[in-house]
Protein backbone atom coordinates (compact mmCIF):
# COMPACT_ATOMS: atom_id res chain seq x y z
CA MET A 1 -11.31 2.29 -5.55
CA THR A 2 -9.10 1.52 -2.43
CA PRO A 3 -10.83 1.08 1.14
CA ILE A 4 -12.10 4.21 2.67
CA GLU A 5 -9.56 4.22 5.50
CA ASN A 6 -7.15 4.12 3.36
CA HIS A 7 -8.59 7.42 1.52
CA ILE A 8 -9.23 8.83 4.85
CA ARG A 9 -5.46 7.90 6.32
CA GLU A 10 -3.87 9.59 2.44
CA THR A 11 -6.46 13.13 2.16
CA LYS A 12 -5.23 16.13 3.95
CA TYR A 13 -8.62 17.54 3.92
CA ILE A 14 -11.73 16.11 4.56
CA VAL A 15 -14.99 18.12 4.71
CA THR A 16 -18.82 18.80 3.90
CA GLY A 17 -19.34 21.74 1.90
CA GLU A 18 -22.23 23.74 0.16
CA VAL A 19 -22.00 25.14 -3.05
CA VAL A 20 -22.65 29.00 -2.75
CA LYS A 21 -21.41 29.79 -6.04
CA LEU A 22 -20.81 28.05 -9.50
CA LEU A 23 -17.45 29.59 -11.39
CA ASP A 24 -17.79 27.61 -14.69
CA THR A 25 -19.52 30.98 -16.21
CA LYS A 26 -18.44 33.79 -18.58
CA GLU A 27 -18.23 36.09 -15.81
CA GLU A 28 -15.58 33.70 -14.45
CA GLY A 29 -13.70 32.86 -17.32
CA TYR A 30 -14.27 29.54 -17.53
CA TYR A 31 -16.75 29.00 -19.73
CA PHE A 32 -17.80 25.79 -22.11
CA GLN A 33 -19.26 25.17 -24.83
CA ASN A 34 -22.11 22.98 -23.32
CA PHE A 35 -22.38 25.03 -19.96
CA ASP A 36 -25.82 23.96 -17.96
CA SER A 37 -25.63 27.29 -15.91
CA THR A 38 -27.29 24.52 -12.75
CA LYS A 39 -24.28 22.86 -12.32
CA SER A 40 -20.23 23.25 -12.38
CA TYR A 41 -17.09 21.70 -12.37
CA GLN A 42 -15.32 24.48 -10.37
CA VAL A 43 -17.35 26.16 -7.33
CA LYS A 44 -17.19 27.99 -4.41
CA ILE A 45 -18.02 25.78 -1.39
CA LYS A 46 -18.90 27.36 2.78
CA ILE A 47 -17.52 24.67 4.64
CA LEU A 48 -19.79 22.66 6.71
CA ASN A 49 -18.35 20.49 8.76
CA CYS A 50 -14.33 19.73 8.87
CA TYR A 51 -13.09 16.46 10.17
CA LYS A 52 -9.78 17.04 9.29
CA GLY A 53 -7.39 19.81 7.95
CA GLY A 54 -8.09 22.16 9.97
CA LEU A 55 -10.78 24.39 7.88
CA GLU A 56 -13.32 26.74 9.86
CA GLU A 57 -16.88 26.31 9.68
CA GLY A 58 -18.10 28.87 7.54
CA GLN A 59 -14.97 29.19 5.62
CA ILE A 60 -15.66 29.85 1.95
CA ILE A 61 -12.80 28.15 -0.26
CA GLU A 62 -12.42 27.41 -3.90
CA LEU A 63 -12.48 24.08 -5.50
CA GLY A 64 -10.73 24.04 -8.84
CA SER A 65 -11.30 20.88 -11.23
CA ASP A 66 -8.46 18.55 -13.07
CA PHE A 67 -11.67 17.52 -15.43
CA THR A 68 -10.41 13.84 -15.07
CA ASN A 69 -12.77 10.85 -15.59
CA CYS A 70 -13.50 11.02 -11.48
CA SER A 71 -14.62 15.01 -11.31
CA PHE A 72 -18.09 15.14 -11.29
CA TYR A 73 -20.39 18.49 -12.02
CA PHE A 74 -21.58 20.30 -8.54
CA ASP A 75 -25.19 21.24 -7.86
CA ASN A 76 -25.76 25.11 -7.52
CA ASN A 77 -26.27 25.67 -3.55
CA GLY A 78 -25.93 20.85 -3.49
CA ARG A 79 -24.06 19.27 0.01
CA TYR A 80 -21.29 17.00 -0.34
CA LEU A 81 -18.74 15.73 1.42
CA LEU A 82 -15.61 16.07 0.05
CA PHE A 83 -12.18 14.46 0.26
CA LEU A 84 -9.56 17.31 -0.99
CA ASP A 85 -6.01 17.99 -1.87
CA LYS A 86 -4.66 21.81 -2.05
CA LYS A 87 -2.38 23.33 -5.34
CA LYS A 88 -1.15 26.77 -4.79
CA ASN A 89 -4.34 28.82 -3.44
CA LYS A 90 -7.58 26.04 -4.90
CA TYR A 91 -8.77 23.17 -3.41
CA PHE A 92 -9.15 20.17 -5.30
CA GLN A 93 -11.32 16.91 -5.89
CA LYS A 94 -8.30 13.95 -4.07
CA HIS A 95 -8.57 12.19 -7.67
CA CYS A 96 -11.26 9.22 -7.24
CA SER A 97 -11.92 9.49 -3.72
CA TYR A 98 -15.30 8.69 -1.98
CA SER A 99 -16.26 12.58 -2.49
CA GLY A 100 -20.16 12.78 -3.49
CA LYS A 101 -23.38 14.38 -2.57
CA LEU A 102 -23.97 14.52 1.11
CA GLU A 103 -27.59 12.85 0.97
CA ASN A 104 -25.38 9.40 0.15
CA ALA A 105 -22.39 9.81 2.55
CA ALA A 106 -24.18 8.70 5.47
CA ASP A 107 -22.12 5.53 5.95
CA ASN A 108 -18.72 6.88 5.09
CA ILE A 109 -19.10 10.11 7.31
CA ARG A 110 -19.77 7.14 10.09
CA VAL A 111 -16.34 5.90 9.30
CA ILE A 112 -14.76 8.92 9.10
CA GLU A 113 -16.05 9.97 12.34
CA GLU A 114 -14.86 6.71 14.13
CA LYS A 115 -11.08 6.62 12.18
CA HIS A 116 -10.60 10.30 12.93
C-alpha cells in the first residue's frame, strides 16, 4: 500500500462515521446467500467528523461496495475511518486505502489532522 500521505492527497472524502443501517438485506434487495444479519458490505452511515470533502456532521450517506478483495464487512453500529470516492449518488471506499475500524485508527487520524 502507498503511504497514507498519498491517500490523503488523492482521496476526495475522508470522514469518520457510524453505521446506522445495514443494506445487505432482503428488504433492500441486496440479499446475499451467506447473509450475516450483524454485518454488511453496503450501509448507511452517519458522519461523525469530516476531515476532507465538505460532508457535514450528522449527515447520513449511503456506501456502496465494489466487492473487491479490499472491501470489508461493516458491523452494525460500528464506527469507521473512511477514505471515500463518490460515483453517482453513492459513496464507495477508496480501493485498498486506510479505511478501517475507528478504534484502530488513532495514528492515521493524527497524520490526517497534521496533513490537512
